[in-house]
């Protein structure tokens, strides 16, 4: 099973949420019919689908064989995540900058109240 970041990238590719990421992958896959088929099959698929997992596997194999691609892929994904353009499959993304004087809570779903004492 691909590592979580590759599944997040595959999910972003499936929705074409990040144009630069999609173009990077499409260009790298252009001479590989199996990889292009995986990318095409994943388009519009839910992030937890078999198609997205297969695309994650293809990304993992390609990245393992091409360190330059792996670095560019992770860099583009990280930039998109910092800018809030990528939903990281069930994760919460907070952007905190500057000096914090007080409490910060990072959470997914909260059932009930939250208090800081």
Foldseek 3Di string as FASTA:
>chain_A
DADLVLLQLLQCLQAVLDVVLVVLQCVVCVVPPVLVVLSVVSRPPHSPDPSSVVNSVVVVVVCVVPVVSVVVNVVSSVVCVQVVSTDRVQAFDDDDDDDDDDDDDGDGDDDDDDDDD
